[in-house]
């Protein structure tokens, strides 16, 4: 009851907002055409600028690569996340109040080597960044097919209604923060665990308090995804940190994605570089998947 299929022009219906509020997510099949997702895939594979900002995060055994940027920019990835089908849909699902781009990231679980991401809530991290309310959400956009075999996302349906769960470090979580295991195990007893298998071109819109995880990629198929996160203007952080204060989001028509040929001009995207000294970057509070 949280799965929908895109046709011609995406209109956010009452059924979709009800499902988002009830389950903490909706999955839209075929949101991007094959031509559109091919363009995005080409951009992230061939942009030397994006790839040079990639770094690793360990799960205690294997590592995934990622790069994070704070402003959407005017390149192909920027047109994707600023489009009405992504930003406009998320805004409506979050109640229709103005939202802004909190950050985007390219998550790269390469074949055989891609690490897991521990159970967490996004707001489990963002709370520490000075965001007072969990009125935040993300859109998970596969660049490659995401299956159980290559470490697809897994969510606990309805877990956003638990409120914020405490997060901490453990010996098993490597570089990552992890949600309180006792709470997670109790949630799994009472709520449904959903492996979210997706094809490239699908999109998952989910609440900032939805508990989610993903397994290692031990398959021969890589698993790359773009995840864009949004915050409400009225939820502007009360303190400065490594993600931006409210910055107006200029949405673009869906057609802007195919019309854009800018791959290498990444001006203004403000990439996160944890290797450099930055008083706003705290490894324990970085938002990861």
C-alpha atoms as a PDB file:
ATOM      1  CA  UNK A   1       0.000   0.000   0.000  1.00  0.00           C
ATOM      2  CA  UNK A   2       3.045   2.267  -0.294  1.00  0.00           C
ATOM      3  CA  UNK A   3       3.949   1.362  -3.891  1.00  0.00           C
ATOM      4  CA  UNK A   4       2.826   3.544  -6.792  1.00  0.00           C
ATOM      5  CA  UNK A   5       3.677   3.636 -10.504  1.00  0.00           C
ATOM      6  CA  UNK A   6       4.519   6.816 -12.388  1.00  0.00           C
ATOM      7  CA  UNK A   7       2.476   7.546 -15.494  1.00  0.00           C
ATOM      8  CA  UNK A   8       2.816  10.637 -17.685  1.00  0.00           C
ATOM      9  CA  UNK A   9       2.634  13.314 -14.998  1.00  0.00           C
ATOM     10  CA  UNK A  10       3.141  12.645 -11.294  1.00  0.00           C
ATOM     11  CA  UNK A  11       0.389  14.051  -9.116  1.00  0.00           C
ATOM     12  CA  UNK A  12       0.644  13.550  -5.385  1.00  0.00           C
ATOM     13  CA  UNK A  13      -2.697  12.091  -4.356  1.00  0.00           C
ATOM     14  CA  UNK A  14      -4.349  11.807  -0.959  1.00  0.00           C
ATOM     15  CA  UNK A  15      -3.658   8.077  -1.150  1.00  0.00           C
ATOM     16  CA  UNK A  16       0.066   8.798  -1.483  1.00  0.00           C
ATOM     17  CA  UNK A  17       0.227  11.279   1.391  1.00  0.00           C
ATOM     18  CA  UNK A  18      -1.807   8.915   3.580  1.00  0.00           C
ATOM     19  CA  UNK A  19       0.609   6.060   2.808  1.00  0.00           C
ATOM     20  CA  UNK A  20       3.610   8.293   3.534  1.00  0.00           C
ATOM     21  CA  UNK A  21       2.134   9.389   6.870  1.00  0.00           C
ATOM     22  CA  UNK A  22       1.094   5.852   7.834  1.00  0.00           C
ATOM     23  CA  UNK A  23       4.135   3.853   6.678  1.00  0.00           C
ATOM     24  CA  UNK A  24       6.894   6.459   6.627  1.00  0.00           C
ATOM     25  CA  UNK A  25       7.615   6.072   2.913  1.00  0.00           C
ATOM     26  CA  UNK A  26       6.243   5.662  -0.590  1.00  0.00           C
ATOM     27  CA  UNK A  27       7.936   3.929  -3.511  1.00  0.00           C
ATOM     28  CA  UNK A  28       7.276   5.318  -7.000  1.00  0.00           C
ATOM     29  CA  UNK A  29       8.108   2.893  -9.785  1.00  0.00           C
ATOM     30  CA  UNK A  30       9.497   4.229 -13.094  1.00  0.00           C
ATOM     31  CA  UNK A  31       9.670   7.839 -11.916  1.00  0.00           C
ATOM     32  CA  UNK A  32      12.633   8.447 -14.216  1.00  0.00           C
ATOM     33  CA  UNK A  33      12.638   7.230 -17.791  1.00  0.00           C
ATOM     34  CA  UNK A  34      15.438   4.994 -19.019  1.00  0.00           C
ATOM     35  CA  UNK A  35      16.839   7.957 -20.950  1.00  0.00           C
ATOM     36  CA  UNK A  36      16.817  10.121 -17.829  1.00  0.00           C
ATOM     37  CA  UNK A  37      18.458   7.556 -15.557  1.00  0.00           C
ATOM     38  CA  UNK A  38      21.063   6.815 -18.252  1.00  0.00           C
ATOM     39  CA  UNK A  39      21.944  10.514 -18.278  1.00  0.00           C
ATOM     40  CA  UNK A  40      22.297  10.589 -14.487  1.00  0.00           C
ATOM     41  CA  UNK A  41      24.389   7.399 -14.528  1.00  0.00           C
ATOM     42  CA  UNK A  42      26.708   8.850 -17.173  1.00  0.00           C
ATOM     43  CA  UNK A  43      27.106  12.044 -15.133  1.00  0.00           C
ATOM     44  CA  UNK A  44      28.130  10.357 -11.876  1.00  0.00           C
ATOM     45  CA  UNK A  45      30.385   7.844 -13.621  1.00  0.00           C
ATOM     46  CA  UNK A  46      32.219  10.342 -15.797  1.00  0.00           C
ATOM     47  CA  UNK A  47      32.399  13.434 -13.620  1.00  0.00           C
ATOM     48  CA  UNK A  48      35.974  13.673 -12.405  1.00  0.00           C
ATOM     49  CA  UNK A  49      34.816  16.451 -10.111  1.00  0.00           C
ATOM     50  CA  UNK A  50      32.290  14.295  -8.288  1.00  0.00           C
ATOM     51  CA  UNK A  51      34.483  11.213  -8.099  1.00  0.00           C
ATOM     52  CA  UNK A  52      37.486  13.091  -6.696  1.00  0.00           C
ATOM     53  CA  UNK A  53      35.404  13.965  -3.623  1.00  0.00           C
ATOM     54  CA  UNK A  54      34.608  10.330  -2.798  1.00  0.00           C
ATOM     55  CA  UNK A  55      35.779   8.804   0.471  1.00  0.00           C
ATOM     56  CA  UNK A  56      35.221   5.545   2.319  1.00  0.00           C
ATOM     57  CA  UNK A  57      33.131   4.544   5.320  1.00  0.00           C
ATOM     58  CA  UNK A  58      33.693   1.179   7.002  1.00  0.00           C
ATOM     59  CA  UNK A  59      31.071  -1.086   8.563  1.00  0.00           C
ATOM     60  CA  UNK A  60      33.830  -2.765  10.568  1.00  0.00           C
ATOM     61  CA  UNK A  61      34.579  -5.213   7.766  1.00  0.00           C
ATOM     62  CA  UNK A  62      33.942  -3.818   4.279  1.00  0.00           C
ATOM     63  CA  UNK A  63      33.751  -0.216   3.082  1.00  0.00           C
ATOM     64  CA  UNK A  64      31.391   1.780   0.909  1.00  0.00           C
ATOM     65  CA  UNK A  65      32.401   4.916  -0.948  1.00  0.00           C
ATOM     66  CA  UNK A  66      30.384   8.104  -0.896  1.00  0.00           C
ATOM     67  CA  UNK A  67      30.564  11.779  -1.716  1.00  0.00           C
ATOM     68  CA  UNK A  68      28.344  14.419  -0.136  1.00  0.00           C
ATOM     69  CA  UNK A  69      27.444  17.895  -1.371  1.00  0.00           C
ATOM     70  CA  UNK A  70      25.380  20.591   0.334  1.00  0.00           C
ATOM     71  CA  UNK A  71      23.897  22.569  -2.556  1.00  0.00           C
ATOM     72  CA  UNK A  72      22.299  21.056  -5.678  1.00  0.00           C
ATOM     73  CA  UNK A  73      24.160  23.128  -8.283  1.00  0.00           C
ATOM     74  CA  UNK A  74      23.388  23.473 -11.980  1.00  0.00           C
ATOM     75  CA  UNK A  75      24.825  20.202 -13.280  1.00  0.00           C
ATOM     76  CA  UNK A  76      22.880  17.068 -14.223  1.00  0.00           C
ATOM     77  CA  UNK A  77      22.626  15.869 -10.614  1.00  0.00           C
ATOM     78  CA  UNK A  78      21.408  19.332  -9.613  1.00  0.00           C
ATOM     79  CA  UNK A  79      18.674  19.295 -12.240  1.00  0.00           C
ATOM     80  CA  UNK A  80      17.601  15.882 -10.966  1.00  0.00           C
ATOM     81  CA  UNK A  81      17.174  16.886  -7.329  1.00  0.00           C
ATOM     82  CA  UNK A  82      15.684  20.314  -8.139  1.00  0.00           C
ATOM     83  CA  UNK A  83      13.075  18.815 -10.485  1.00  0.00           C
ATOM     84  CA  UNK A  84       9.390  18.915  -9.645  1.00  0.00           C
ATOM     85  CA  UNK A  85       9.239  15.117  -9.735  1.00  0.00           C
ATOM     86  CA  UNK A  86      11.786  14.935  -6.905  1.00  0.00           C
ATOM     87  CA  UNK A  87      11.702  18.193  -4.897  1.00  0.00           C
ATOM     88  CA  UNK A  88       8.086  19.022  -5.708  1.00  0.00           C
ATOM     89  CA  UNK A  89       6.847  15.561  -4.757  1.00  0.00           C
ATOM     90  CA  UNK A  90       8.816  15.574  -1.506  1.00  0.00           C
ATOM     91  CA  UNK A  91       7.459  18.995  -0.593  1.00  0.00           C
ATOM     92  CA  UNK A  92       3.878  17.831  -1.049  1.00  0.00           C
ATOM     93  CA  UNK A  93       4.459  14.622   0.910  1.00  0.00           C
ATOM     94  CA  UNK A  94       5.904  16.724   3.750  1.00  0.00           C
ATOM     95  CA  UNK A  95       2.742  18.810   3.938  1.00  0.00           C
ATOM     96  CA  UNK A  96       3.174  21.444   1.252  1.00  0.00           C
ATOM     97  CA  UNK A  97       5.287  23.897   3.266  1.00  0.00           C
ATOM     98  CA  UNK A  98       8.485  25.247   1.705  1.00  0.00           C
ATOM     99  CA  UNK A  99      11.450  22.895   1.821  1.00  0.00           C
ATOM    100  CA  UNK A 100      15.108  23.362   0.935  1.00  0.00           C
ATOM    101  CA  UNK A 101      17.997  21.136  -0.129  1.00  0.00           C
ATOM    102  CA  UNK A 102      19.790  19.865   2.986  1.00  0.00           C
ATOM    103  CA  UNK A 103      22.368  17.757   1.173  1.00  0.00           C
ATOM    104  CA  UNK A 104      22.779  15.090  -1.520  1.00  0.00           C
ATOM    105  CA  UNK A 105      25.120  12.169  -1.745  1.00  0.00           C
ATOM    106  CA  UNK A 106      26.279   9.516  -4.137  1.00  0.00           C
ATOM    107  CA  UNK A 107      26.491   6.188  -2.288  1.00  0.00           C
ATOM    108  CA  UNK A 108      28.688   3.593  -3.983  1.00  0.00           C
ATOM    109  CA  UNK A 109      28.570  -0.051  -2.937  1.00  0.00           C
ATOM    110  CA  UNK A 110      30.912  -1.600  -5.426  1.00  0.00           C
ATOM    111  CA  UNK A 111      30.718  -5.259  -6.421  1.00  0.00           C
ATOM    112  CA  UNK A 112      32.138  -7.705  -3.846  1.00  0.00           C
ATOM    113  CA  UNK A 113      33.538  -4.915  -1.644  1.00  0.00           C
ATOM    114  CA  UNK A 114      30.592  -2.672  -0.743  1.00  0.00           C
ATOM    115  CA  UNK A 115      30.002  -2.377   2.994  1.00  0.00           C
ATOM    116  CA  UNK A 116      26.780  -2.463   4.991  1.00  0.00           C
ATOM    117  CA  UNK A 117      24.985   0.475   6.613  1.00  0.00           C
ATOM    118  CA  UNK A 118      23.821  -0.127  10.170  1.00  0.00           C
ATOM    119  CA  UNK A 119      20.286   0.438  11.430  1.00  0.00           C
ATOM    120  CA  UNK A 120      19.689   4.166  11.823  1.00  0.00           C
ATOM    121  CA  UNK A 121      17.283   7.043  11.404  1.00  0.00           C
ATOM    122  CA  UNK A 122      18.394  10.051   9.406  1.00  0.00           C
ATOM    123  CA  UNK A 123      17.049  12.347  12.114  1.00  0.00           C
ATOM    124  CA  UNK A 124      19.149  10.407  14.596  1.00  0.00           C
ATOM    125  CA  UNK A 125      22.028  12.368  13.067  1.00  0.00           C
ATOM    126  CA  UNK A 126      20.280  15.579  12.043  1.00  0.00           C
ATOM    127  CA  UNK A 127      18.973  16.157  15.572  1.00  0.00           C
ATOM    128  CA  UNK A 128      22.572  16.898  16.613  1.00  0.00           C
ATOM    129  CA  UNK A 129      22.892  19.440  13.797  1.00  0.00           C
ATOM    130  CA  UNK A 130      20.400  21.778  15.438  1.00  0.00           C
ATOM    131  CA  UNK A 131      17.282  20.735  13.517  1.00  0.00           C
ATOM    132  CA  UNK A 132      14.571  20.950  16.179  1.00  0.00           C
ATOM    133  CA  UNK A 133      11.815  18.959  14.476  1.00  0.00           C
ATOM    134  CA  UNK A 134      11.928  15.688  12.488  1.00  0.00           C
ATOM    135  CA  UNK A 135      10.141  17.419   9.608  1.00  0.00           C
ATOM    136  CA  UNK A 136      12.783  16.232   7.182  1.00  0.00           C
ATOM    137  CA  UNK A 137      12.930  13.544   4.524  1.00  0.00           C
ATOM    138  CA  UNK A 138      15.000  11.934   1.787  1.00  0.00           C
ATOM    139  CA  UNK A 139      14.616  10.541  -1.705  1.00  0.00           C
ATOM    140  CA  UNK A 140      16.549   7.370  -2.577  1.00  0.00           C
ATOM    141  CA  UNK A 141      17.202   7.247  -6.351  1.00  0.00           C
ATOM    142  CA  UNK A 142      18.935   4.098  -7.647  1.00  0.00           C
ATOM    143  CA  UNK A 143      21.523   4.581 -10.380  1.00  0.00           C
ATOM    144  CA  UNK A 144      21.760   0.761 -10.557  1.00  0.00           C
ATOM    145  CA  UNK A 145      19.169  -1.894  -9.759  1.00  0.00           C
ATOM    146  CA  UNK A 146      19.020  -2.485  -5.997  1.00  0.00           C
ATOM    147  CA  UNK A 147      18.286  -6.096  -5.089  1.00  0.00           C
ATOM    148  CA  UNK A 148      18.695  -8.196  -1.963  1.00  0.00           C
ATOM    149  CA  UNK A 149      21.831  -9.699  -3.512  1.00  0.00           C
ATOM    150  CA  UNK A 150      23.676  -6.383  -3.837  1.00  0.00           C
ATOM    151  CA  UNK A 151      22.549  -4.781  -0.593  1.00  0.00           C
ATOM    152  CA  UNK A 152      19.201  -3.085  -1.180  1.00  0.00           C
ATOM    153  CA  UNK A 153      17.676  -0.797   1.411  1.00  0.00           C
ATOM    154  CA  UNK A 154      15.601  -2.416   4.159  1.00  0.00           C
ATOM    155  CA  UNK A 155      13.067  -0.409   6.161  1.00  0.00           C
ATOM    156  CA  UNK A 156      10.863  -1.031   9.188  1.00  0.00           C
ATOM    157  CA  UNK A 157       7.418  -0.044   7.996  1.00  0.00           C
ATOM    158  CA  UNK A 158       5.803   2.560  10.254  1.00  0.00           C
ATOM    159  CA  UNK A 159       8.893   2.963  12.454  1.00  0.00           C
ATOM    160  CA  UNK A 160       8.900   6.744  11.947  1.00  0.00           C
ATOM    161  CA  UNK A 161       6.105   6.808  14.528  1.00  0.00           C
ATOM    162  CA  UNK A 162       8.531   5.614  17.217  1.00  0.00           C
ATOM    163  CA  UNK A 163      10.057   9.066  17.459  1.00  0.00           C
ATOM    164  CA  UNK A 164      13.794   9.626  17.595  1.00  0.00           C
ATOM    165  CA  UNK A 165      15.766   6.593  18.773  1.00  0.00           C
ATOM    166  CA  UNK A 166      19.121   7.048  20.530  1.00  0.00           C
ATOM    167  CA  UNK A 167      22.187   6.454  18.337  1.00  0.00           C
ATOM    168  CA  UNK A 168      25.716   5.523  19.370  1.00  0.00           C
ATOM    169  CA  UNK A 169      28.902   3.743  18.352  1.00  0.00           C
ATOM    170  CA  UNK A 170      29.490   0.015  18.688  1.00  0.00           C
ATOM    171  CA  UNK A 171      32.399  -2.337  18.007  1.00  0.00           C
ATOM    172  CA  UNK A 172      30.445  -3.807  15.103  1.00  0.00           C
ATOM    173  CA  UNK A 173      29.470  -0.514  13.429  1.00  0.00           C
ATOM    174  CA  UNK A 174      32.915   0.610  12.240  1.00  0.00           C
ATOM    175  CA  UNK A 175      32.865   4.307  11.300  1.00  0.00           C
ATOM    176  CA  UNK A 176      29.098   4.515  11.612  1.00  0.00           C
ATOM    177  CA  UNK A 177      26.564   5.466  14.249  1.00  0.00           C
ATOM    178  CA  UNK A 178      23.877   2.884  14.959  1.00  0.00           C
ATOM    179  CA  UNK A 179      20.370   3.061  16.417  1.00  0.00           C
ATOM    180  CA  UNK A 180      19.829   1.514  19.858  1.00  0.00           C
ATOM    181  CA  UNK A 181      19.719  -2.218  19.170  1.00  0.00           C
ATOM    182  CA  UNK A 182      17.192  -3.012  21.905  1.00  0.00           C
ATOM    183  CA  UNK A 183      14.704  -0.590  20.357  1.00  0.00           C
ATOM    184  CA  UNK A 184      15.385  -1.876  16.856  1.00  0.00           C
ATOM    185  CA  UNK A 185      14.811  -5.501  17.891  1.00  0.00           C
ATOM    186  CA  UNK A 186      11.536  -4.603  19.618  1.00  0.00           C
ATOM    187  CA  UNK A 187      10.444  -2.655  16.541  1.00  0.00           C
ATOM    188  CA  UNK A 188      11.171  -5.696  14.364  1.00  0.00           C
ATOM    189  CA  UNK A 189       8.896  -7.801  16.574  1.00  0.00           C
ATOM    190  CA  UNK A 190       5.972  -5.403  16.213  1.00  0.00           C
ATOM    191  CA  UNK A 191       6.414  -3.898  12.756  1.00  0.00           C
ATOM    192  CA  UNK A 192       7.067  -5.248   9.267  1.00  0.00           C
ATOM    193  CA  UNK A 193      10.570  -5.476   7.822  1.00  0.00           C
ATOM    194  CA  UNK A 194      10.449  -4.529   4.127  1.00  0.00           C
ATOM    195  CA  UNK A 195      13.360  -5.188   1.729  1.00  0.00           C
ATOM    196  CA  UNK A 196      12.951  -2.378  -0.798  1.00  0.00           C
ATOM    197  CA  UNK A 197      14.055  -3.882  -4.085  1.00  0.00           C
ATOM    198  CA  UNK A 198      14.181  -1.189  -6.755  1.00  0.00           C
ATOM    199  CA  UNK A 199      15.073  -0.782 -10.395  1.00  0.00           C
ATOM    200  CA  UNK A 200      17.137   2.104 -11.715  1.00  0.00           C
ATOM    201  CA  UNK A 201      14.595   4.875 -12.326  1.00  0.00           C
ATOM    202  CA  UNK A 202      12.440   4.092  -9.281  1.00  0.00           C
ATOM    203  CA  UNK A 203      12.421   6.499  -6.323  1.00  0.00           C
ATOM    204  CA  UNK A 204      11.768   5.971  -2.617  1.00  0.00           C
ATOM    205  CA  UNK A 205      10.521   8.981  -0.636  1.00  0.00           C
ATOM    206  CA  UNK A 206      10.954   8.443   3.107  1.00  0.00           C
ATOM    207  CA  UNK A 207      10.561  10.177   6.463  1.00  0.00           C
ATOM    208  CA  UNK A 208      13.577  11.291   8.507  1.00  0.00           C
ATOM    209  CA  UNK A 209      12.628   8.997  11.411  1.00  0.00           C
ATOM    210  CA  UNK A 210      12.136   5.819   9.348  1.00  0.00           C
ATOM    211  CA  UNK A 211      14.513   3.099  10.592  1.00  0.00           C
ATOM    212  CA  UNK A 212      16.518   1.620   7.735  1.00  0.00           C
ATOM    213  CA  UNK A 213      19.619  -0.438   7.008  1.00  0.00           C
ATOM    214  CA  UNK A 214      21.345  -2.191   4.096  1.00  0.00           C
ATOM    215  CA  UNK A 215      23.558  -5.257   3.840  1.00  0.00           C
ATOM    216  CA  UNK A 216      26.999  -5.687   2.322  1.00  0.00           C
ATOM    217  CA  UNK A 217      27.288  -6.119  -1.422  1.00  0.00           C
ATOM    218  CA  UNK A 218      28.865  -9.536  -1.924  1.00  0.00           C
ATOM    219  CA  UNK A 219      27.470  -9.876  -5.457  1.00  0.00           C
ATOM    220  CA  UNK A 220      29.057  -9.217  -8.843  1.00  0.00           C
ATOM    221  CA  UNK A 221      26.752  -6.217  -9.388  1.00  0.00           C
ATOM    222  CA  UNK A 222      27.591  -2.768  -8.043  1.00  0.00           C
ATOM    223  CA  UNK A 223      24.925  -0.737  -6.200  1.00  0.00           C
ATOM    224  CA  UNK A 224      25.181   3.020  -6.742  1.00  0.00           C
ATOM    225  CA  UNK A 225      22.416   5.386  -5.589  1.00  0.00           C
ATOM    226  CA  UNK A 226      21.823   9.108  -5.216  1.00  0.00           C
ATOM    227  CA  UNK A 227      20.113  10.197  -2.013  1.00  0.00           C
ATOM    228  CA  UNK A 228      18.831  13.752  -1.660  1.00  0.00           C
ATOM    229  CA  UNK A 229      17.664  15.071   1.700  1.00  0.00           C
ATOM    230  CA  UNK A 230      15.333  17.982   2.359  1.00  0.00           C
ATOM    231  CA  UNK A 231      14.466  20.132   5.371  1.00  0.00           C
ATOM    232  CA  UNK A 232      11.572  22.513   5.918  1.00  0.00           C
ATOM    233  CA  UNK A 233      12.352  26.207   5.808  1.00  0.00           C
ATOM    234  CA  UNK A 234      10.646  26.644   9.176  1.00  0.00           C
ATOM    235  CA  UNK A 235      12.950  23.945  10.626  1.00  0.00           C
ATOM    236  CA  UNK A 236      16.065  25.981   9.857  1.00  0.00           C
ATOM    237  CA  UNK A 237      18.861  24.736  12.180  1.00  0.00           C
ATOM    238  CA  UNK A 238      19.511  26.883  15.242  1.00  0.00           C
ATOM    239  CA  UNK A 239      23.285  26.380  15.050  1.00  0.00           C
ATOM    240  CA  UNK A 240      25.920  26.271  12.339  1.00  0.00           C
ATOM    241  CA  UNK A 241      27.166  22.847  11.293  1.00  0.00           C
ATOM    242  CA  UNK A 242      28.458  20.973   8.245  1.00  0.00           C
ATOM    243  CA  UNK A 243      25.157  21.170   6.328  1.00  0.00           C
ATOM    244  CA  UNK A 244      23.568  24.463   5.237  1.00  0.00           C
ATOM    245  CA  UNK A 245      21.113  26.820   6.835  1.00  0.00           C
ATOM    246  CA  UNK A 246      17.945  27.527   4.865  1.00  0.00           C
ATOM    247  CA  UNK A 247      18.840  28.344   1.280  1.00  0.00           C
ATOM    248  CA  UNK A 248      15.980  28.927  -1.192  1.00  0.00           C
ATOM    249  CA  UNK A 249      15.529  25.961  -3.514  1.00  0.00           C
ATOM    250  CA  UNK A 250      14.921  26.946  -7.129  1.00  0.00           C
ATOM    251  CA  UNK A 251      12.881  24.119  -8.622  1.00  0.00           C
ATOM    252  CA  UNK A 252      13.112  23.318 -12.324  1.00  0.00           C
ATOM    253  CA  UNK A 253      10.747  21.555 -14.740  1.00  0.00           C
ATOM    254  CA  UNK A 254      11.232  17.820 -15.153  1.00  0.00           C
ATOM    255  CA  UNK A 255      12.394  18.494 -18.716  1.00  0.00           C
ATOM    256  CA  UNK A 256      15.488  20.326 -17.389  1.00  0.00           C
ATOM    257  CA  UNK A 257      17.199  17.016 -16.659  1.00  0.00           C
ATOM    258  CA  UNK A 258      17.406  15.863 -20.270  1.00  0.00           C
ATOM    259  CA  UNK A 259      18.121  19.400 -21.464  1.00  0.00           C
ATOM    260  CA  UNK A 260      21.149  19.773 -19.186  1.00  0.00           C
ATOM    261  CA  UNK A 261      24.563  18.795 -20.559  1.00  0.00           C
ATOM    262  CA  UNK A 262      26.653  20.154 -17.698  1.00  0.00           C
ATOM    263  CA  UNK A 263      28.637  17.406 -16.008  1.00  0.00           C
ATOM    264  CA  UNK A 264      31.878  19.044 -14.885  1.00  0.00           C
ATOM    265  CA  UNK A 265      30.850  22.544 -13.767  1.00  0.00           C
ATOM    266  CA  UNK A 266      30.178  21.805 -10.097  1.00  0.00           C
ATOM    267  CA  UNK A 267      30.467  25.365  -8.872  1.00  0.00           C
ATOM    268  CA  UNK A 268      28.729  26.051  -5.584  1.00  0.00           C
ATOM    269  CA  UNK A 269      27.897  22.453  -4.663  1.00  0.00           C
ATOM    270  CA  UNK A 270      30.038  22.646  -1.492  1.00  0.00           C
ATOM    271  CA  UNK A 271      31.395  19.092  -1.222  1.00  0.00           C
ATOM    272  CA  UNK A 272      32.093  17.638   2.198  1.00  0.00           C
ATOM    273  CA  UNK A 273      35.746  16.728   2.729  1.00  0.00           C
ATOM    274  CA  UNK A 274      36.242  14.987   6.101  1.00  0.00           C
ATOM    275  CA  UNK A 275      40.005  14.772   5.485  1.00  0.00           C
ATOM    276  CA  UNK A 276      40.328  18.530   5.933  1.00  0.00           C
ATOM    277  CA  UNK A 277      40.152  20.333   9.225  1.00  0.00           C
ATOM    278  CA  UNK A 278      36.600  21.585   9.652  1.00  0.00           C
ATOM    279  CA  UNK A 279      35.139  22.526  13.011  1.00  0.00           C
ATOM    280  CA  UNK A 280      31.636  21.696  11.796  1.00  0.00           C
ATOM    281  CA  UNK A 281      32.409  18.113  10.791  1.00  0.00           C
ATOM    282  CA  UNK A 282      32.027  15.522  13.526  1.00  0.00           C
ATOM    283  CA  UNK A 283      32.452  11.953  12.317  1.00  0.00           C
ATOM    284  CA  UNK A 284      29.889  10.750  14.827  1.00  0.00           C
ATOM    285  CA  UNK A 285      27.247  13.081  13.502  1.00  0.00           C
ATOM    286  CA  UNK A 286      27.713  12.792   9.753  1.00  0.00           C
ATOM    287  CA  UNK A 287      24.549  11.729   7.986  1.00  0.00           C
ATOM    288  CA  UNK A 288      25.241   8.452   6.186  1.00  0.00           C
ATOM    289  CA  UNK A 289      23.291   5.514   4.724  1.00  0.00           C
END
